[in-house]
Amino acid sequence: MAPHPHSSASLKASLRQAALGRRDALDPQARQAGALAIADAVMAIAALADAPIVGAFWPIRSEVDPRPLIERLFTRGQRVALPKVTPDGLVFREWRAGEALVRGGFGLSEPDDSLPPLDPTALIVPLAAYDARGHRIGYGRGYYDQAIERLSRNGPVLTIGVAFSVQAVAEVPAEAHDQPLDHLITEAGPVSLTRA
């Protein structure tokens, strides 16, 4: 029997809060070292090399910092797009090294609105919590689930979640709209995903 939507939402909220508390408690130097290890592991995903445009994100709070990964993507000659939160969901725009970002909602740094939107074929996905099935809990607004669903209409989208191992939970209460990740990378390396 499927969980009641309200109970699922409240369970997700408590799992999110606990996982973010564990992430916030990590030593800043451990987070920095973890981000470098995560960047190396993500770059080793063979399918990622085939993506001409990779959707990434700019870090907020204690998130995994994807900037070392973005630098490696640039070095490999790949283009990077960053998301902007709009009323219609996430819109990705190309970002080049050194370009200024503008302050967006939720404390985000986003590309300038004058840049044309792009549809990445691979996404580096932030998250609050994850389980061994590749399900994630985001920040509660569903932006990435919607973006993955939208981008998938153009063809397959490679999704790579990045997190610290302290963000693991036993089970994410997945709902019909939730999109499991193709890969999940922590500072300890790739998470071996079990598909039900």
N, C-alpha and C. Protein backbone atom coordinates (compact mmCIF):
# COMPACT_ATOMS: atom_id res chain seq x y z
N MET A 1 0.84 -1.19 0.00
CA MET A 1 0.00 0.00 0.00
C MET A 1 0.88 1.25 0.00
N ALA A 2 0.56 2.21 -0.84
CA ALA A 2 1.36 3.44 -0.93
C ALA A 2 1.16 4.27 0.33
N PRO A 3 2.24 4.95 0.79
CA PRO A 3 2.08 5.79 1.97
C PRO A 3 1.16 6.97 1.67
N HIS A 4 0.45 7.40 2.69
CA HIS A 4 -0.41 8.58 2.55
C HIS A 4 0.48 9.77 2.21
N PRO A 5 0.11 10.60 1.20
CA PRO A 5 0.97 11.71 0.78
C PRO A 5 1.40 12.62 1.93
N HIS A 6 0.47 12.88 2.87
CA HIS A 6 0.82 13.78 3.97
C HIS A 6 1.86 13.13 4.89
N SER A 7 1.67 11.83 5.19
CA SER A 7 2.63 11.16 6.06
C SER A 7 3.99 11.03 5.38
N SER A 8 3.97 10.80 4.04
CA SER A 8 5.21 10.72 3.28
C SER A 8 5.95 12.05 3.33
N ALA A 9 5.22 13.16 3.17
CA ALA A 9 5.83 14.48 3.19
C ALA A 9 6.43 14.78 4.56
N SER A 10 5.73 14.41 5.63
CA SER A 10 6.26 14.70 6.96
C SER A 10 7.46 13.81 7.28
N LEU A 11 7.43 12.56 6.79
CA LEU A 11 8.59 11.68 6.99
C LEU A 11 9.80 12.22 6.21
N LYS A 12 9.56 12.64 4.98
CA LYS A 12 10.65 13.23 4.19
C LYS A 12 11.22 14.45 4.90
N ALA A 13 10.34 15.29 5.46
CA ALA A 13 10.80 16.50 6.14
C ALA A 13 11.68 16.16 7.33
N SER A 14 11.32 15.13 8.10
CA SER A 14 12.14 14.79 9.27
C SER A 14 13.46 14.14 8.83
N LEU A 15 13.42 13.30 7.78
CA LEU A 15 14.66 12.70 7.26
C LEU A 15 15.58 13.79 6.71
N ARG A 16 14.98 14.76 5.99
CA ARG A 16 15.75 15.88 5.43
C ARG A 16 16.43 16.66 6.54
N GLN A 17 15.68 17.01 7.56
CA GLN A 17 16.22 17.82 8.66
C GLN A 17 17.37 17.10 9.36
N ALA A 18 17.21 15.80 9.61
CA ALA A 18 18.26 15.04 10.29
C ALA A 18 19.51 14.92 9.42
N ALA A 19 19.33 14.64 8.11
CA ALA A 19 20.47 14.48 7.21
C ALA A 19 21.22 15.80 7.04
N LEU A 20 20.47 16.91 6.93
CA LEU A 20 21.12 18.21 6.79
C LEU A 20 21.85 18.59 8.07
N GLY A 21 21.31 18.20 9.22
CA GLY A 21 22.01 18.43 10.48
C GLY A 21 23.35 17.70 10.52
N ARG A 22 23.35 16.45 10.04
CA ARG A 22 24.62 15.69 9.99
C ARG A 22 25.59 16.33 9.01
N ARG A 23 25.06 16.80 7.87
CA ARG A 23 25.93 17.44 6.87
C ARG A 23 26.51 18.73 7.42
N ASP A 24 25.68 19.53 8.08
CA ASP A 24 26.14 20.80 8.65
C ASP A 24 27.23 20.59 9.69
N ALA A 25 27.18 19.45 10.39
CA ALA A 25 28.14 19.18 11.47
C ALA A 25 29.51 18.74 10.96
N LEU A 26 29.62 18.44 9.66
CA LEU A 26 30.91 18.02 9.12
C LEU A 26 31.93 19.15 9.23
N ASP A 27 33.16 18.78 9.49
CA ASP A 27 34.25 19.74 9.54
C ASP A 27 34.44 20.36 8.15
N PRO A 28 34.59 21.69 8.05
CA PRO A 28 34.75 22.33 6.74
C PRO A 28 35.89 21.74 5.91
N GLN A 29 37.00 21.38 6.58
CA GLN A 29 38.11 20.78 5.82
C GLN A 29 37.74 19.41 5.28
N ALA A 30 36.95 18.65 6.04
CA ALA A 30 36.48 17.35 5.56
C ALA A 30 35.56 17.53 4.36
N ARG A 31 34.71 18.57 4.41
CA ARG A 31 33.83 18.85 3.26
C ARG A 31 34.65 19.22 2.03
N GLN A 32 35.69 20.01 2.23
CA GLN A 32 36.54 20.43 1.11
C GLN A 32 37.25 19.22 0.49
N ALA A 33 37.83 18.37 1.34
CA ALA A 33 38.51 17.17 0.85
C ALA A 33 37.50 16.24 0.18
N GLY A 34 36.30 16.14 0.76
CA GLY A 34 35.26 15.30 0.18
C GLY A 34 34.85 15.77 -1.20
N ALA A 35 34.75 17.08 -1.38
CA ALA A 35 34.36 17.63 -2.68
C ALA A 35 35.37 17.26 -3.76
N LEU A 36 36.65 17.24 -3.41
CA LEU A 36 37.70 16.86 -4.37
C LEU A 36 37.59 15.39 -4.73
N ALA A 37 37.36 14.53 -3.71
CA ALA A 37 37.21 13.10 -3.96
C ALA A 37 35.98 12.83 -4.81
N ILE A 38 34.89 13.55 -4.53
CA ILE A 38 33.66 13.39 -5.30
C ILE A 38 33.89 13.82 -6.76
N ALA A 39 34.60 14.92 -6.96
CA ALA A 39 34.89 15.39 -8.32
C ALA A 39 35.64 14.32 -9.12
N ASP A 40 36.64 13.71 -8.50
CA ASP A 40 37.42 12.67 -9.19
C ASP A 40 36.54 11.47 -9.54
N ALA A 41 35.67 11.06 -8.59
CA ALA A 41 34.82 9.89 -8.83
C ALA A 41 33.78 10.17 -9.90
N VAL A 42 33.23 11.38 -9.91
CA VAL A 42 32.24 11.72 -10.94
C VAL A 42 32.90 11.72 -12.32
N MET A 43 34.09 12.26 -12.41
CA MET A 43 34.78 12.32 -13.71
C MET A 43 35.09 10.93 -14.25
N ALA A 44 35.13 9.92 -13.38
CA ALA A 44 35.42 8.55 -13.80
C ALA A 44 34.20 7.85 -14.39
N ILE A 45 33.01 8.46 -14.30
CA ILE A 45 31.81 7.87 -14.89
C ILE A 45 31.91 8.00 -16.41
N ALA A 46 32.05 6.86 -17.09
CA ALA A 46 32.32 6.88 -18.53
C ALA A 46 31.26 7.63 -19.33
N ALA A 47 29.99 7.42 -19.00
CA ALA A 47 28.92 8.04 -19.78
C ALA A 47 28.92 9.56 -19.68
N LEU A 48 29.49 10.09 -18.60
CA LEU A 48 29.51 11.55 -18.44
C LEU A 48 30.36 12.21 -19.52
N ALA A 49 31.41 11.53 -19.96
CA ALA A 49 32.30 12.10 -20.98
C ALA A 49 31.58 12.35 -22.30
N ASP A 50 30.44 11.65 -22.51
CA ASP A 50 29.70 11.79 -23.77
C ASP A 50 28.72 12.96 -23.75
N ALA A 51 28.55 13.61 -22.59
CA ALA A 51 27.57 14.70 -22.49
C ALA A 51 28.21 16.01 -22.93
N PRO A 52 27.71 16.64 -24.00
CA PRO A 52 28.30 17.91 -24.44
C PRO A 52 28.02 19.05 -23.46
N ILE A 53 26.84 19.01 -22.81
CA ILE A 53 26.47 20.05 -21.85
C ILE A 53 26.08 19.36 -20.54
N VAL A 54 26.75 19.74 -19.47
CA VAL A 54 26.48 19.14 -18.17
C VAL A 54 25.82 20.19 -17.28
N GLY A 55 24.66 19.87 -16.73
CA GLY A 55 24.00 20.75 -15.78
C GLY A 55 24.62 20.54 -14.40
N ALA A 56 25.10 21.61 -13.81
CA ALA A 56 25.70 21.53 -12.48
C ALA A 56 24.94 22.50 -11.58
N PHE A 57 25.52 22.88 -10.46
CA PHE A 57 24.86 23.84 -9.57
C PHE A 57 25.93 24.58 -8.80
N TRP A 58 25.58 25.71 -8.26
CA TRP A 58 26.48 26.50 -7.42
C TRP A 58 26.12 26.19 -5.97
N PRO A 59 27.09 25.92 -5.10
CA PRO A 59 26.75 25.42 -3.77
C PRO A 59 26.16 26.48 -2.84
N ILE A 60 25.26 26.01 -1.98
CA ILE A 60 24.75 26.84 -0.89
C ILE A 60 24.95 26.08 0.41
N ARG A 61 25.04 26.82 1.49
CA ARG A 61 25.20 26.25 2.82
C ARG A 61 26.30 25.18 2.83
N SER A 62 26.00 24.01 3.38
CA SER A 62 27.04 22.99 3.56
C SER A 62 27.03 21.93 2.47
N GLU A 63 26.42 22.26 1.32
CA GLU A 63 26.37 21.30 0.21
C GLU A 63 27.76 20.89 -0.24
N VAL A 64 27.83 19.72 -0.89
CA VAL A 64 29.04 19.36 -1.62
C VAL A 64 29.34 20.50 -2.59
N ASP A 65 30.57 20.95 -2.59
CA ASP A 65 30.96 22.04 -3.49
C ASP A 65 31.32 21.44 -4.86
N PRO A 66 30.51 21.68 -5.89
CA PRO A 66 30.79 21.08 -7.20
C PRO A 66 31.79 21.88 -8.03
N ARG A 67 32.32 22.97 -7.48
CA ARG A 67 33.23 23.79 -8.31
C ARG A 67 34.49 23.04 -8.73
N PRO A 68 35.11 22.19 -7.90
CA PRO A 68 36.24 21.40 -8.41
C PRO A 68 35.83 20.49 -9.57
N LEU A 69 34.62 19.96 -9.52
CA LEU A 69 34.12 19.13 -10.61
C LEU A 69 33.91 19.97 -11.87
N ILE A 70 33.32 21.16 -11.70
CA ILE A 70 33.11 22.05 -12.85
C ILE A 70 34.44 22.38 -13.52
N GLU A 71 35.47 22.65 -12.73
CA GLU A 71 36.80 22.93 -13.30
C GLU A 71 37.30 21.76 -14.12
N ARG A 72 37.09 20.54 -13.64
CA ARG A 72 37.53 19.34 -14.37
C ARG A 72 36.73 19.18 -15.66
N LEU A 73 35.44 19.48 -15.62
CA LEU A 73 34.63 19.40 -16.85
C LEU A 73 35.14 20.39 -17.89
N PHE A 74 35.45 21.62 -17.46
CA PHE A 74 36.00 22.62 -18.38
C PHE A 74 37.32 22.13 -18.98
N THR A 75 38.17 21.56 -18.13
CA THR A 75 39.46 21.07 -18.60
C THR A 75 39.29 19.99 -19.67
N ARG A 76 38.22 19.20 -19.51
CA ARG A 76 37.96 18.12 -20.47
C ARG A 76 37.25 18.65 -21.72
N GLY A 77 36.91 19.94 -21.73
CA GLY A 77 36.28 20.53 -22.91
C GLY A 77 34.77 20.45 -22.93
N GLN A 78 34.16 20.15 -21.79
CA GLN A 78 32.71 20.08 -21.73
C GLN A 78 32.13 21.43 -21.31
N ARG A 79 30.91 21.70 -21.79
CA ARG A 79 30.21 22.94 -21.43
C ARG A 79 29.39 22.68 -20.17
N VAL A 80 29.21 23.73 -19.38
CA VAL A 80 28.48 23.62 -18.11
C VAL A 80 27.33 24.61 -18.10
N ALA A 81 26.18 24.14 -17.66
CA ALA A 81 25.00 25.00 -17.51
C ALA A 81 24.59 24.99 -16.04
N LEU A 82 24.19 26.14 -15.54
CA LEU A 82 23.73 26.26 -14.16
C LEU A 82 22.25 26.60 -14.15
N PRO A 83 21.53 26.16 -13.11
CA PRO A 83 20.08 26.38 -13.09
C PRO A 83 19.68 27.73 -12.53
N LYS A 84 18.54 28.19 -13.01
CA LYS A 84 17.86 29.35 -12.43
C LYS A 84 16.46 28.87 -12.04
N VAL A 85 16.05 29.23 -10.84
CA VAL A 85 14.70 28.89 -10.38
C VAL A 85 13.72 29.90 -10.97
N THR A 86 12.72 29.39 -11.70
CA THR A 86 11.68 30.24 -12.27
C THR A 86 10.31 29.69 -11.83
N PRO A 87 9.24 30.45 -12.03
CA PRO A 87 7.90 29.93 -11.68
C PRO A 87 7.56 28.64 -12.43
N ASP A 88 8.20 28.42 -13.58
CA ASP A 88 7.95 27.21 -14.37
C ASP A 88 8.94 26.09 -14.08
N GLY A 89 9.81 26.28 -13.10
CA GLY A 89 10.81 25.25 -12.78
C GLY A 89 12.22 25.74 -13.07
N LEU A 90 13.14 24.79 -13.16
CA LEU A 90 14.54 25.13 -13.40
C LEU A 90 14.79 25.40 -14.88
N VAL A 91 15.48 26.50 -15.16
CA VAL A 91 15.95 26.81 -16.51
C VAL A 91 17.47 26.83 -16.43
N PHE A 92 18.13 26.07 -17.32
CA PHE A 92 19.59 26.00 -17.32
C PHE A 92 20.16 26.93 -18.37
N ARG A 93 21.21 27.65 -17.95
CA ARG A 93 21.91 28.56 -18.87
C ARG A 93 23.40 28.29 -18.77
N GLU A 94 24.09 28.45 -19.90
CA GLU A 94 25.52 28.15 -19.92
C GLU A 94 26.29 29.11 -19.01
N TRP A 95 27.29 28.55 -18.31
CA TRP A 95 28.18 29.36 -17.49
C TRP A 95 29.61 29.05 -17.90
N ARG A 96 30.39 30.10 -18.06
CA ARG A 96 31.81 29.95 -18.41
C ARG A 96 32.66 30.44 -17.24
N ALA A 97 33.81 29.85 -17.10
CA ALA A 97 34.69 30.19 -15.98
C ALA A 97 34.90 31.69 -15.91
N GLY A 98 34.75 32.25 -14.72
CA GLY A 98 35.00 33.66 -14.49
C GLY A 98 33.80 34.56 -14.71
N GLU A 99 32.73 34.06 -15.33
CA GLU A 99 31.55 34.90 -15.55
C GLU A 99 30.85 35.18 -14.22
N ALA A 100 30.34 36.40 -14.09
CA ALA A 100 29.63 36.78 -12.87
C ALA A 100 28.29 36.06 -12.81
N LEU A 101 27.89 35.72 -11.61
CA LEU A 101 26.57 35.15 -11.37
C LEU A 101 25.72 36.19 -10.65
N VAL A 102 24.41 36.05 -10.76
CA VAL A 102 23.52 36.99 -10.08
C VAL A 102 22.83 36.28 -8.92
N ARG A 103 22.46 37.04 -7.90
CA ARG A 103 21.79 36.45 -6.75
C ARG A 103 20.35 36.14 -7.10
N GLY A 104 19.97 34.88 -6.81
CA GLY A 104 18.60 34.45 -7.07
C GLY A 104 17.88 34.14 -5.77
N GLY A 105 16.71 33.57 -5.89
CA GLY A 105 15.95 33.18 -4.71
C GLY A 105 16.63 32.05 -3.96
N PHE A 106 16.25 31.85 -2.71
CA PHE A 106 16.77 30.78 -1.87
C PHE A 106 18.28 30.90 -1.62
N GLY A 107 18.86 32.09 -1.82
CA GLY A 107 20.30 32.27 -1.61
C GLY A 107 21.14 31.69 -2.73
N LEU A 108 20.53 31.42 -3.88
CA LEU A 108 21.26 30.80 -5.00
C LEU A 108 22.03 31.83 -5.81
N SER A 109 23.09 31.38 -6.44
CA SER A 109 23.82 32.17 -7.43
C SER A 109 23.48 31.58 -8.79
N GLU A 110 23.00 32.43 -9.70
CA GLU A 110 22.45 31.95 -10.96
C GLU A 110 23.03 32.70 -12.15
N PRO A 111 23.01 32.08 -13.34
CA PRO A 111 23.46 32.79 -14.54
C PRO A 111 22.52 33.95 -14.85
N ASP A 112 23.04 34.91 -15.59
CA ASP A 112 22.26 36.08 -15.97
C ASP A 112 21.12 35.69 -16.91
N ASP A 113 19.96 36.35 -16.74
CA ASP A 113 18.78 36.05 -17.55
C ASP A 113 18.99 36.30 -19.05
N SER A 114 19.98 37.10 -19.40
CA SER A 114 20.19 37.41 -20.82
C SER A 114 20.78 36.23 -21.59
N LEU A 115 21.30 35.23 -20.88
CA LEU A 115 21.90 34.07 -21.55
C LEU A 115 20.80 33.12 -22.02
N PRO A 116 20.99 32.50 -23.19
CA PRO A 116 19.93 31.62 -23.71
C PRO A 116 19.83 30.33 -22.90
N PRO A 117 18.61 29.79 -22.75
CA PRO A 117 18.46 28.52 -22.04
C PRO A 117 19.03 27.36 -22.84
N LEU A 118 19.55 26.38 -22.13
CA LEU A 118 20.11 25.18 -22.74
C LEU A 118 19.53 23.96 -22.03
N ASP A 119 19.46 22.84 -22.73
CA ASP A 119 19.01 21.60 -22.10
C ASP A 119 20.19 20.65 -21.96
N PRO A 120 20.71 20.48 -20.75
CA PRO A 120 21.82 19.54 -20.56
C PRO A 120 21.35 18.10 -20.76
N THR A 121 22.29 17.22 -21.12
CA THR A 121 21.99 15.79 -21.25
C THR A 121 22.55 15.00 -20.07
N ALA A 122 23.21 15.71 -19.17
CA ALA A 122 23.67 15.10 -17.90
C ALA A 122 23.46 16.14 -16.81
N LEU A 123 23.07 15.67 -15.63
CA LEU A 123 22.82 16.57 -14.50
C LEU A 123 23.59 16.12 -13.27
N ILE A 124 24.31 17.06 -12.66
CA ILE A 124 24.89 16.85 -11.33
C ILE A 124 23.84 17.36 -10.36
N VAL A 125 23.33 16.48 -9.52
CA VAL A 125 22.13 16.79 -8.73
C VAL A 125 22.47 16.95 -7.24
N PRO A 126 22.12 18.09 -6.64
CA PRO A 126 22.30 18.25 -5.21
C PRO A 126 21.18 17.52 -4.47
N LEU A 127 21.38 17.24 -3.20
CA LEU A 127 20.34 16.55 -2.45
C LEU A 127 20.55 16.73 -0.96
N ALA A 128 19.48 16.48 -0.22
CA ALA A 128 19.54 16.55 1.25
C ALA A 128 19.82 15.18 1.85
N ALA A 129 19.21 14.14 1.26
CA ALA A 129 19.38 12.77 1.77
C ALA A 129 19.21 11.80 0.61
N TYR A 130 19.73 10.58 0.78
CA TYR A 130 19.62 9.56 -0.27
C TYR A 130 19.54 8.18 0.38
N ASP A 131 19.07 7.21 -0.43
CA ASP A 131 19.12 5.82 0.03
C ASP A 131 19.84 4.97 -1.00
N ALA A 132 20.02 3.71 -0.69
CA ALA A 132 20.82 2.81 -1.53
C ALA A 132 20.11 2.44 -2.83
N ARG A 133 18.85 2.83 -2.98
CA ARG A 133 18.14 2.58 -4.24
C ARG A 133 18.32 3.72 -5.24
N GLY A 134 19.02 4.78 -4.82
CA GLY A 134 19.20 5.93 -5.71
C GLY A 134 18.09 6.95 -5.61
N HIS A 135 17.22 6.79 -4.62
CA HIS A 135 16.19 7.81 -4.39
C HIS A 135 16.78 8.92 -3.53
N ARG A 136 16.33 10.13 -3.79
CA ARG A 136 16.86 11.28 -3.08
C ARG A 136 15.74 12.09 -2.45
N ILE A 137 16.10 12.80 -1.42
CA ILE A 137 15.22 13.82 -0.87
C ILE A 137 15.90 15.15 -1.17
N GLY A 138 15.19 16.01 -1.87
CA GLY A 138 15.74 17.33 -2.16
C GLY A 138 15.38 18.29 -1.04
N TYR A 139 15.16 19.53 -1.43
CA TYR A 139 14.86 20.55 -0.43
C TYR A 139 13.36 20.81 -0.32
N GLY A 140 12.56 19.94 -0.93
CA GLY A 140 11.12 19.98 -0.69
C GLY A 140 10.27 20.67 -1.74
N ARG A 141 10.89 21.15 -2.81
CA ARG A 141 10.08 21.86 -3.81
C ARG A 141 9.97 21.11 -5.14
N GLY A 142 10.69 20.02 -5.29
CA GLY A 142 10.53 19.18 -6.47
C GLY A 142 11.15 19.71 -7.75
N TYR A 143 12.01 20.73 -7.64
CA TYR A 143 12.56 21.33 -8.86
C TYR A 143 13.34 20.34 -9.71
N TYR A 144 14.18 19.53 -9.09
CA TYR A 144 15.00 18.61 -9.87
C TYR A 144 14.18 17.46 -10.44
N ASP A 145 13.21 16.94 -9.69
CA ASP A 145 12.34 15.90 -10.25
C ASP A 145 11.64 16.42 -11.50
N GLN A 146 11.13 17.65 -11.43
CA GLN A 146 10.45 18.24 -12.58
C GLN A 146 11.42 18.46 -13.74
N ALA A 147 12.64 18.93 -13.43
CA ALA A 147 13.63 19.18 -14.49
C ALA A 147 14.03 17.89 -15.18
N ILE A 148 14.25 16.83 -14.40
CA ILE A 148 14.63 15.54 -14.98
C ILE A 148 13.51 15.03 -15.88
N GLU A 149 12.28 15.13 -15.41
CA GLU A 149 11.14 14.67 -16.21
C GLU A 149 11.05 15.47 -17.51
N ARG A 150 11.22 16.80 -17.42
CA ARG A 150 11.13 17.65 -18.61
C ARG A 150 12.26 17.36 -19.59
N LEU A 151 13.49 17.30 -19.08
CA LEU A 151 14.64 17.07 -19.96
C LEU A 151 14.59 15.69 -20.61
N SER A 152 14.01 14.72 -19.90
CA SER A 152 13.94 13.35 -20.42
C SER A 152 13.04 13.24 -21.65
N ARG A 153 12.17 14.23 -21.86
CA ARG A 153 11.33 14.21 -23.06
C ARG A 153 12.17 14.34 -24.32
N ASN A 154 13.38 14.93 -24.20
CA ASN A 154 14.28 15.09 -25.35
C ASN A 154 15.14 13.85 -25.59
N GLY A 155 15.16 12.93 -24.63
CA GLY A 155 16.04 11.76 -24.70
C GLY A 155 16.59 11.49 -23.32
N PRO A 156 17.40 10.43 -23.20
CA PRO A 156 17.91 10.05 -21.87
C PRO A 156 18.75 11.17 -21.23
N VAL A 157 18.57 11.34 -19.94
CA VAL A 157 19.36 12.30 -19.16
C VAL A 157 20.11 11.52 -18.09
N LEU A 158 21.42 11.65 -18.09
CA LEU A 158 22.26 11.00 -17.09
C LEU A 158 22.19 11.81 -15.80
N THR A 159 21.76 11.18 -14.70
CA THR A 159 21.63 11.90 -13.43
C THR A 159 22.64 11.37 -12.42
N ILE A 160 23.40 12.28 -11.85
CA ILE A 160 24.46 11.92 -10.90
C ILE A 160 24.25 12.74 -9.63
N GLY A 161 23.84 12.08 -8.57
CA GLY A 161 23.67 12.75 -7.29
C GLY A 161 25.01 12.83 -6.57
N VAL A 162 25.25 13.96 -5.91
CA VAL A 162 26.48 14.12 -5.12
C VAL A 162 26.10 14.48 -3.69
N ALA A 163 26.73 13.79 -2.75
CA ALA A 163 26.39 13.99 -1.34
C ALA A 163 27.53 13.48 -0.48
N PHE A 164 27.49 13.81 0.79
CA PHE A 164 28.41 13.22 1.75
C PHE A 164 27.75 11.96 2.32
N SER A 165 28.56 11.00 2.71
CA SER A 165 28.02 9.72 3.17
C SER A 165 27.13 9.87 4.40
N VAL A 166 27.33 10.94 5.20
CA VAL A 166 26.47 11.14 6.37
C VAL A 166 25.03 11.48 5.99
N GLN A 167 24.78 11.73 4.72
CA GLN A 167 23.43 12.07 4.27
C GLN A 167 22.60 10.84 3.92
N ALA A 168 23.18 9.64 4.07
CA ALA A 168 22.45 8.40 3.77
C ALA A 168 21.34 8.18 4.79
N VAL A 169 20.22 7.66 4.30
CA VAL A 169 19.13 7.23 5.17
C VAL A 169 18.76 5.81 4.76
N ALA A 170 18.07 5.10 5.65
CA ALA A 170 17.73 3.70 5.36
C ALA A 170 16.82 3.59 4.15
N GLU A 171 15.81 4.45 4.07
CA GLU A 171 14.89 4.39 2.94
C GLU A 171 14.20 5.73 2.75
N VAL A 172 14.25 6.20 1.51
CA VAL A 172 13.53 7.42 1.14
C VAL A 172 12.10 7.00 0.77
N PRO A 173 11.09 7.64 1.35
CA PRO A 173 9.72 7.32 0.97
C PRO A 173 9.43 7.88 -0.43
N ALA A 174 9.67 7.05 -1.45
CA ALA A 174 9.55 7.51 -2.84
C ALA A 174 8.09 7.60 -3.24
N GLU A 175 7.79 8.63 -4.02
CA GLU A 175 6.45 8.83 -4.56
C GLU A 175 6.52 8.70 -6.08
N ALA A 176 5.37 8.66 -6.72
CA ALA A 176 5.30 8.39 -8.16
C ALA A 176 6.15 9.37 -8.97
N HIS A 177 6.20 10.65 -8.55
CA HIS A 177 6.92 11.66 -9.35
C HIS A 177 8.42 11.65 -9.08
N ASP A 178 8.87 10.94 -8.05
CA ASP A 178 10.30 10.94 -7.70
C ASP A 178 11.11 10.20 -8.75
N GLN A 179 12.23 10.79 -9.13
CA GLN A 179 13.09 10.23 -10.17
C GLN A 179 14.35 9.63 -9.53
N PRO A 180 14.52 8.29 -9.55
CA PRO A 180 15.75 7.74 -8.99
C PRO A 180 16.96 8.16 -9.82
N LEU A 181 18.10 8.30 -9.16
CA LEU A 181 19.32 8.73 -9.82
C LEU A 181 20.01 7.57 -10.53
N ASP A 182 20.73 7.88 -11.60
CA ASP A 182 21.52 6.85 -12.29
C ASP A 182 22.78 6.50 -11.50
N HIS A 183 23.39 7.51 -10.90
CA HIS A 183 24.61 7.32 -10.12
C HIS A 183 24.51 8.17 -8.85
N LEU A 184 25.17 7.71 -7.81
CA LEU A 184 25.24 8.47 -6.57
C LEU A 184 26.68 8.40 -6.08
N ILE A 185 27.28 9.56 -5.89
CA ILE A 185 28.71 9.62 -5.53
C ILE A 185 28.85 10.34 -4.20
N THR A 186 29.61 9.73 -3.29
CA THR A 186 29.98 10.39 -2.03
C THR A 186 31.50 10.47 -1.96
N GLU A 187 31.99 11.06 -0.87
CA GLU A 187 33.45 11.16 -0.69
C GLU A 187 34.09 9.78 -0.56
N ALA A 188 33.29 8.75 -0.24
CA ALA A 188 33.81 7.39 -0.13
C ALA A 188 33.79 6.66 -1.48
N GLY A 189 33.28 7.32 -2.51
CA GLY A 189 33.23 6.71 -3.85
C GLY A 189 31.81 6.49 -4.30
N PRO A 190 31.62 5.74 -5.40
CA PRO A 190 30.28 5.47 -5.91
C PRO A 190 29.48 4.61 -4.92
N VAL A 191 28.20 4.93 -4.76
CA VAL A 191 27.31 4.12 -3.95
C VAL A 191 26.78 3.01 -4.84
N SER A 192 26.89 1.77 -4.40
CA SER A 192 26.38 0.63 -5.18
C SER A 192 24.85 0.63 -5.03
N LEU A 193 24.17 1.00 -6.12
CA LEU A 193 22.72 1.17 -6.05
C LEU A 193 22.00 -0.15 -6.23
N THR A 194 21.00 -0.39 -5.41
CA THR A 194 20.17 -1.59 -5.52
C THR A 194 18.82 -1.16 -6.06
N ARG A 195 18.45 -1.73 -7.19
CA ARG A 195 17.15 -1.41 -7.82
C ARG A 195 16.14 -2.47 -7.41
N ALA A 196 14.98 -2.02 -6.94
CA ALA A 196 13.95 -2.97 -6.52
C ALA A 196 13.35 -3.64 -7.73
